[in-house]
Amino acid sequence: MRGTILVIGGLMWLAGCGGGSDKDANGSAAGDAPSGEEAAGEAAAPAVEKADLDCGKFKPQTAPEGQAADDIVGLRQGMSEEQVRGVLLCKNPSYAINVSKSSTSLPDGGRMSRINLYADTGLDKVNVWLIGPPDGERLVHVDRTNEYPAGKELPVANIAQEVSAKYGAFDDSSYGNQRSGWIIRSRDGQRMANGNMSYSECRSHNIRTDKVLPCLHAISYEVMPNQQNPALAARFSVGLTSFAMMTQMAMATQAQQAKAVERAQESADEKDLDL
């Protein structure tokens, strides 16, 4: 049976993943709108205060010089939960961050710890998956969705140009209007052509626990155009999944579990069951 979990068909739906289906109800009574004076006061309210963090400690990370870009807003494969939180809050203290913890299976039948971290300002949403041994989970996936208020939409062409400038030219623009694309890299970092036999298997944002994939990472972007003016973007998403880091975390978890069994065996050898 395949070990794929959380299969996501398209990034435009990622904004809803892991994001707290619990939404606070509006406390105001229907028709009880604030007066002009109150509304002005609300509009002038200060932004969320910056968290008490040492932002010199939580620096955004990027790929080493000469290597292809593999981060989103400075969040990069291998980062810990603390680092993710720090980078996000130092970038924008308005992020509301929610976390859920679970586990996922390993090929040998063991379990690997999983953390889903979801940060949201209301317009800027960041979704992060971390997996690995307990207290040693590391980032394997990050996606970000920006929603644009009416009158502040960005041109689709500009978005396509900016993502290509950072990550390289994208394959498979299926909509034909610069609205989506993928970049897949092989384990040695080289670009895979979309005719490569492993391309379709690696062209995903899935957590795989059933096998080691022959790819380094997958990057994709997608734009939802404005209904009134398709040349403008209503929403934009970009996602990156590191398959190499998934393999590394699975191996680290298996090694930790093997050591636990070894210690238990040593303890069992030292004493009888006294049956």
Protein backbone atom coordinates (compact mmCIF):
# COMPACT_ATOMS: atom_id res chain seq x y z
CA MET A 1 0.00 0.00 0.00
CA ARG A 2 1.33 3.42 -0.89
CA GLY A 3 2.51 5.58 1.96
CA THR A 4 1.49 8.85 0.33
CA ILE A 5 -0.43 11.20 2.60
CA LEU A 6 -1.93 14.64 2.23
CA VAL A 7 -1.99 14.55 -1.53
CA ILE A 8 -2.66 18.05 -2.84
CA GLY A 9 -3.93 18.35 -6.36
CA GLY A 10 -3.24 22.06 -6.80
CA LEU A 11 -1.66 24.80 -4.79
CA MET A 12 -4.64 27.06 -5.10
CA TRP A 13 -6.34 24.96 -2.43
CA LEU A 14 -3.38 24.98 -0.07
CA ALA A 15 -4.56 28.11 1.66
CA GLY A 16 -7.10 25.99 3.50
CA CYS A 17 -4.70 23.24 4.60
CA GLY A 18 -3.89 22.92 8.28
CA GLY A 19 -5.28 26.36 8.84
CA GLY A 20 -7.64 26.09 11.68
CA SER A 21 -11.08 25.44 10.48
CA ASP A 22 -11.91 27.12 13.80
CA LYS A 23 -12.70 30.70 12.86
CA ASP A 24 -13.73 33.17 15.56
CA ALA A 25 -17.27 34.45 15.18
CA ASN A 26 -17.81 38.16 14.80
CA GLY A 27 -18.85 39.48 18.18
CA SER A 28 -20.85 42.44 16.81
CA ALA A 29 -24.62 42.10 16.61
CA ALA A 30 -26.12 42.15 13.12
CA GLY A 31 -26.78 45.71 12.01
CA ASP A 32 -24.80 47.06 14.96
CA ALA A 33 -22.20 48.83 12.81
CA PRO A 34 -19.64 51.08 14.53
CA SER A 35 -20.19 54.82 14.39
CA GLY A 36 -17.95 56.92 12.13
CA GLU A 37 -15.87 57.94 15.15
CA GLU A 38 -15.46 54.32 16.28
CA ALA A 39 -14.65 53.20 12.75
CA ALA A 40 -11.96 55.84 12.47
CA GLY A 41 -10.52 54.67 15.77
CA GLU A 42 -10.46 51.08 14.55
CA ALA A 43 -8.74 52.06 11.31
CA ALA A 44 -6.08 53.93 13.24
CA ALA A 45 -5.40 51.03 15.64
CA PRO A 46 -1.71 50.11 15.82
CA ALA A 47 -0.42 46.98 14.09
CA VAL A 48 0.31 43.85 16.08
CA GLU A 49 3.29 44.48 18.33
CA LYS A 50 6.49 42.75 17.33
CA ALA A 51 7.17 39.56 19.26
CA ASP A 52 9.96 39.70 21.80
CA LEU A 53 12.44 37.80 19.64
CA ASP A 54 16.12 38.05 18.95
CA CYS A 55 15.79 38.55 15.21
CA GLY A 56 19.56 38.42 14.88
CA LYS A 57 19.21 34.74 15.81
CA PHE A 58 16.40 33.93 13.37
CA LYS A 59 17.83 34.74 9.97
CA PRO A 60 16.11 33.74 6.71
CA GLN A 61 18.03 30.98 4.94
CA THR A 62 18.90 30.63 1.27
CA ALA A 63 20.78 28.07 -0.82
CA PRO A 64 24.57 28.33 -0.88
CA GLU A 65 26.00 30.59 -3.57
CA GLY A 66 25.97 28.92 -6.96
CA GLN A 67 23.12 26.55 -6.11
CA ALA A 68 19.52 26.87 -7.28
CA ALA A 69 17.10 28.74 -4.99
CA ASP A 70 15.24 26.39 -2.65
CA ASP A 71 13.54 28.62 -0.08
CA ILE A 72 10.24 30.45 0.26
CA VAL A 73 10.39 33.69 2.29
CA GLY A 74 13.65 32.46 3.80
CA LEU A 75 12.16 29.15 4.98
CA ARG A 76 14.35 26.30 3.78
CA GLN A 77 14.47 22.51 4.11
CA GLY A 78 16.06 21.33 7.34
CA MET A 79 14.88 24.20 9.55
CA SER A 80 13.44 23.44 13.00
CA GLU A 81 10.03 24.57 14.27
CA GLU A 82 11.69 27.25 16.41
CA GLN A 83 13.56 28.60 13.40
CA VAL A 84 10.40 28.64 11.27
CA ARG A 85 8.47 30.55 13.94
CA GLY A 86 11.31 33.01 14.45
CA VAL A 87 11.83 33.77 10.76
CA LEU A 88 8.10 34.29 10.17
CA LEU A 89 7.52 36.54 13.20
CA CYS A 90 10.64 38.58 12.54
CA LYS A 91 9.47 39.04 8.95
CA ASN A 92 5.93 40.01 9.94
CA PRO A 93 4.65 40.02 13.55
CA SER A 94 1.08 40.00 12.23
CA TYR A 95 1.29 36.27 11.46
CA ALA A 96 -1.15 34.25 13.57
CA ILE A 97 0.54 30.87 14.01
CA ASN A 98 -1.25 27.60 14.74
CA VAL A 99 0.37 24.18 15.10
CA SER A 100 -0.95 20.63 15.03
CA LYS A 101 1.08 17.50 15.77
CA SER A 102 0.58 13.95 14.59
CA SER A 103 2.65 11.09 13.19
CA THR A 104 3.10 9.24 9.94
CA SER A 105 4.19 5.70 9.15
CA LEU A 106 7.67 4.53 8.22
CA PRO A 107 8.42 1.71 5.75
CA ASP A 108 9.50 -0.61 8.58
CA GLY A 109 6.25 -0.13 10.48
CA GLY A 110 7.50 2.52 12.90
CA ARG A 111 6.16 6.04 13.27
CA MET A 112 7.70 9.40 12.48
CA SER A 113 6.68 12.62 14.23
CA ARG A 114 4.93 15.27 12.13
CA ILE A 115 4.25 18.96 12.76
CA ASN A 116 1.94 21.11 10.62
CA LEU A 117 2.55 24.83 11.19
CA TYR A 118 0.16 27.33 9.64
CA ALA A 119 0.81 31.08 9.72
CA ASP A 120 -1.77 33.58 8.46
CA THR A 121 -2.09 37.37 8.39
CA GLY A 122 -5.45 37.19 6.64
CA LEU A 123 -3.92 37.89 3.23
CA ASP A 124 -0.56 36.12 3.47
CA LYS A 125 -0.72 32.41 4.39
CA VAL A 126 2.28 30.14 4.97
CA ASN A 127 1.94 26.39 5.46
CA VAL A 128 4.89 24.30 6.71
CA TRP A 129 5.33 20.56 7.25
CA LEU A 130 8.10 19.25 9.52
CA ILE A 131 8.82 15.55 10.06
CA GLY A 132 11.44 13.47 11.86
CA PRO A 133 12.17 11.96 15.26
CA PRO A 134 10.33 13.57 18.21
CA ASP A 135 11.95 16.95 19.07
CA GLY A 136 14.09 16.60 15.95
CA GLU A 137 11.52 17.40 13.27
CA ARG A 138 12.78 19.37 10.29
CA LEU A 139 11.08 21.31 7.49
CA VAL A 140 10.35 19.23 4.38
CA HIS A 141 7.65 21.36 2.74
CA VAL A 142 6.59 25.01 2.63
CA ASP A 143 3.94 26.77 0.59
CA ARG A 144 2.75 30.35 0.61
CA THR A 145 -0.46 31.93 -0.71
CA ASN A 146 -1.00 35.66 -1.17
CA GLU A 147 -4.49 37.03 -1.70
CA TYR A 148 -4.80 40.52 -3.16
CA PRO A 149 -7.45 43.03 -2.07
CA ALA A 150 -9.58 44.65 -4.75
CA GLY A 151 -7.62 47.40 -6.46
CA LYS A 152 -4.25 45.98 -5.34
CA GLU A 153 -3.97 42.97 -7.65
CA LEU A 154 -0.65 42.28 -9.37
CA PRO A 155 -0.29 41.57 -13.10
CA VAL A 156 -0.03 37.83 -13.84
CA ALA A 157 2.93 38.52 -16.15
CA ASN A 158 4.85 40.25 -13.34
CA ILE A 159 4.33 37.30 -10.97
CA ALA A 160 5.53 34.83 -13.63
CA GLN A 161 8.58 36.99 -14.24
CA GLU A 162 9.47 37.24 -10.54
CA VAL A 163 9.14 33.52 -9.75
CA SER A 164 11.23 32.67 -12.82
CA ALA A 165 13.86 35.22 -11.80
CA LYS A 166 14.22 33.48 -8.42
CA TYR A 167 13.78 29.77 -9.23
CA GLY A 168 14.38 29.53 -12.99
CA ALA A 169 12.05 29.00 -15.94
CA PHE A 170 9.09 26.77 -15.07
CA ASP A 171 7.84 23.77 -17.06
CA ASP A 172 4.31 22.81 -17.91
CA SER A 173 2.44 26.08 -17.86
CA SER A 174 -0.79 24.18 -18.38
CA TYR A 175 -3.06 27.20 -18.50
CA GLY A 176 -0.95 28.75 -21.24
CA ASN A 177 -1.15 32.26 -19.77
CA GLN A 178 1.81 32.18 -17.36
CA ARG A 179 -0.54 30.98 -14.62
CA SER A 180 1.23 27.83 -13.40
CA GLY A 181 4.38 25.76 -13.69
CA TRP A 182 6.74 23.22 -12.12
CA ILE A 183 10.48 22.78 -11.60
CA ILE A 184 11.77 19.30 -10.70
CA ARG A 185 15.40 18.64 -9.80
CA SER A 186 17.20 15.32 -9.71
CA ARG A 187 19.12 14.13 -6.64
CA ASP A 188 22.32 15.80 -7.87
CA GLY A 189 20.51 19.13 -8.33
CA GLN A 190 20.17 19.07 -12.10
CA ARG A 191 16.97 20.12 -13.79
CA MET A 192 14.70 17.24 -14.92
CA ALA A 193 13.04 17.60 -18.32
CA ASN A 194 9.31 16.96 -18.29
CA GLY A 195 9.91 13.92 -20.50
CA ASN A 196 12.08 12.28 -17.82
CA MET A 197 10.69 8.89 -16.71
CA SER A 198 10.69 9.99 -13.04
CA TYR A 199 9.25 13.43 -13.72
CA SER A 200 5.58 12.63 -13.10
CA GLU A 201 6.35 10.78 -9.86
CA CYS A 202 8.37 13.71 -8.52
CA ARG A 203 5.89 16.34 -9.76
CA SER A 204 3.95 16.47 -6.51
CA HIS A 205 3.72 17.95 -3.04
CA ASN A 206 3.24 14.71 -1.13
CA ILE A 207 4.90 13.15 1.88
CA ARG A 208 6.16 9.79 0.68
CA THR A 209 7.05 7.10 3.20
CA ASP A 210 6.86 4.06 0.95
CA LYS A 211 9.99 4.65 -1.14
CA VAL A 212 12.97 6.93 -1.75
CA LEU A 213 12.22 9.18 -4.72
CA PRO A 214 15.00 9.93 -7.25
CA CYS A 215 14.50 13.69 -6.97
CA LEU A 216 15.86 16.47 -4.82
CA HIS A 217 12.81 18.71 -4.68
CA ALA A 218 9.74 19.96 -6.53
CA ILE A 219 8.73 23.62 -6.86
CA SER A 220 5.46 24.88 -8.30
CA TYR A 221 3.48 28.07 -8.60
CA GLU A 222 -0.10 28.84 -9.54
CA VAL A 223 -2.06 32.02 -10.12
CA MET A 224 -5.82 32.48 -9.87
CA PRO A 225 -6.77 35.37 -12.15
CA ASN A 226 -9.19 38.14 -11.33
CA GLN A 227 -12.61 37.28 -12.75
CA GLN A 228 -13.17 40.75 -14.18
CA ASN A 229 -9.63 41.15 -15.55
CA PRO A 230 -7.74 37.86 -16.18
CA ALA A 231 -4.47 39.75 -16.71
CA LEU A 232 -4.50 40.53 -12.98
CA ALA A 233 -3.99 38.01 -10.18
CA ALA A 234 -6.56 37.58 -7.44
CA ARG A 235 -4.43 34.99 -5.65
CA PHE A 236 -0.94 33.53 -6.03
CA SER A 237 0.60 30.38 -4.52
CA VAL A 238 4.10 28.93 -4.56
CA GLY A 239 5.19 25.64 -2.94
CA LEU A 240 8.37 23.64 -2.44
CA THR A 241 8.75 20.04 -1.24
CA SER A 242 12.15 18.53 -0.39
CA PHE A 243 12.12 14.79 -1.04
CA ALA A 244 15.79 14.46 -0.10
CA MET A 245 15.07 15.88 3.37
CA MET A 246 12.13 13.49 3.78
CA THR A 247 14.50 10.57 3.21
CA GLN A 248 17.02 12.05 5.64
CA MET A 249 14.39 12.47 8.36
CA ALA A 250 13.03 8.94 7.85
CA MET A 251 16.55 7.55 8.23
CA ALA A 252 17.17 9.66 11.35
CA THR A 253 13.93 8.39 12.90
CA GLN A 254 14.73 4.77 12.10
CA ALA A 255 18.23 5.19 13.58
CA GLN A 256 16.78 6.67 16.79
CA GLN A 257 14.29 3.82 17.10
CA ALA A 258 17.00 1.22 16.47
CA LYS A 259 19.08 2.74 19.29
CA ALA A 260 16.07 2.60 21.63
CA VAL A 261 15.65 -1.11 20.86
CA GLU A 262 19.37 -1.67 21.45
CA ARG A 263 19.22 0.05 24.84
CA ALA A 264 16.15 -1.97 25.80
CA GLN A 265 17.96 -5.17 24.81
CA GLU A 266 20.95 -4.27 26.96
CA SER A 267 18.65 -3.57 29.89
CA ALA A 268 16.82 -6.87 29.36
CA ASP A 269 20.12 -8.77 29.32
CA GLU A 270 20.99 -7.36 32.74
CA LYS A 271 17.92 -8.65 34.56
CA ASP A 272 15.50 -11.57 34.43
CA LEU A 273 11.75 -11.31 34.06
CA ASP A 274 11.33 -13.09 37.39
CA LEU A 275 8.47 -15.22 36.05
